[in-house]
Amino acid sequence: YQYLSRYKQKKDLDLFTFVPGRTEGTEKECLECLVEFCGRSNPSWTELSNFTRFLNFQLRKCEKSVFCSPVVGRQFCGF
């Protein structure tokens, strides 16, 4: 949700780092955001669960990538 809400607000994600346990927004806002980005018009709970697991997996990989690190990432802005 932290990434998706910032993406929706057109904020620079290159400068953002996920903080586990940080509470942002309400449960309703989070659910609405997930449904909006899920890609399904009326997703089931299973589809939302699969979407969030896949997104979390990809974002963890991205955060660990040397190309997205604060030092090297400056040369690959938006990568």
Protein backbone atom coordinates (compact mmCIF):
# COMPACT_ATOMS: atom_id res chain seq x y z
CA TYR A 1 0.00 0.00 0.00
CA GLN A 2 2.86 2.38 0.79
CA TYR A 3 4.21 2.10 -2.75
CA LEU A 4 0.84 2.10 -4.51
CA SER A 5 -0.48 5.14 -2.68
CA ARG A 6 2.69 7.11 -3.49
CA TYR A 7 2.57 5.95 -7.11
CA LYS A 8 -1.05 7.10 -7.35
CA GLN A 9 -0.03 10.52 -5.99
CA LYS A 10 2.77 10.65 -8.62
CA LYS A 11 5.47 10.85 -5.93
CA ASP A 12 9.08 9.90 -6.70
CA LEU A 13 9.42 6.23 -5.72
CA ASP A 14 13.19 6.30 -6.25
CA LEU A 15 13.54 8.17 -2.96
CA PHE A 16 11.09 5.98 -1.01
CA THR A 17 11.98 3.00 1.15
CA PHE A 18 9.36 0.67 2.57
CA VAL A 19 9.13 0.68 6.36
CA PRO A 20 7.58 -2.49 7.82
CA GLY A 21 4.98 -1.86 10.49
CA ARG A 22 4.32 1.73 9.40
CA THR A 23 0.59 2.36 9.39
CA GLU A 24 -0.64 4.65 6.65
CA GLY A 25 -4.21 5.33 5.64
CA THR A 26 -7.28 3.44 6.74
CA GLU A 27 -8.25 -0.14 5.99
CA LYS A 28 -10.85 1.19 3.55
CA GLU A 29 -8.28 3.34 1.69
CA CYS A 30 -5.90 0.39 1.49
CA LEU A 31 -8.56 -1.94 0.11
CA GLU A 32 -9.73 0.64 -2.43
CA CYS A 33 -6.14 1.17 -3.58
CA LEU A 34 -5.51 -2.58 -3.95
CA VAL A 35 -8.73 -3.06 -5.91
CA GLU A 36 -7.83 -0.14 -8.19
CA PHE A 37 -4.40 -1.56 -9.06
CA CYS A 38 -5.35 -5.24 -9.07
CA GLY A 39 -6.44 -5.14 -12.70
CA ARG A 40 -9.78 -6.86 -12.11
CA SER A 41 -13.12 -5.05 -12.06
CA ASN A 42 -14.53 -7.12 -9.19
CA PRO A 43 -11.67 -9.15 -7.67
CA SER A 44 -12.21 -11.96 -5.20
CA TRP A 45 -10.28 -12.11 -1.93
CA THR A 46 -8.08 -14.79 -3.48
CA GLU A 47 -7.24 -12.56 -6.44
CA LEU A 48 -6.40 -9.65 -4.11
CA SER A 49 -4.27 -11.96 -1.99
CA ASN A 50 -2.38 -13.26 -5.03
CA PHE A 51 -1.91 -9.72 -6.33
CA THR A 52 -0.48 -8.46 -3.02
CA ARG A 53 1.83 -11.48 -2.63
CA PHE A 54 3.17 -11.07 -6.16
CA LEU A 55 3.59 -7.31 -5.73
CA ASN A 56 5.38 -7.74 -2.38
CA PHE A 57 7.68 -10.36 -3.91
CA GLN A 58 8.58 -8.06 -6.81
CA LEU A 59 9.08 -5.02 -4.58
CA ARG A 60 11.39 -6.95 -2.24
CA LYS A 61 13.48 -8.00 -5.23
CA CYS A 62 13.57 -4.40 -6.46
CA GLU A 63 14.61 -3.05 -3.05
CA LYS A 64 17.51 -5.52 -2.93
CA SER A 65 18.66 -4.75 -6.47
CA VAL A 66 21.93 -2.87 -6.76
CA PHE A 67 20.40 -0.86 -9.61
CA CYS A 68 17.76 0.54 -7.25
CA SER A 69 20.13 1.32 -4.37
CA PRO A 70 20.50 4.99 -3.35
CA VAL A 71 24.14 5.11 -4.48
CA VAL A 72 24.03 3.28 -7.83
CA GLY A 73 20.36 4.11 -8.44
CA ARG A 74 21.15 7.80 -9.06
CA GLN A 75 22.75 6.78 -12.34
CA PHE A 76 19.69 4.71 -13.27
CA CYS A 77 16.94 7.13 -12.25
CA GLY A 78 13.51 5.56 -12.70
CA PHE A 79 14.95 2.12 -13.40
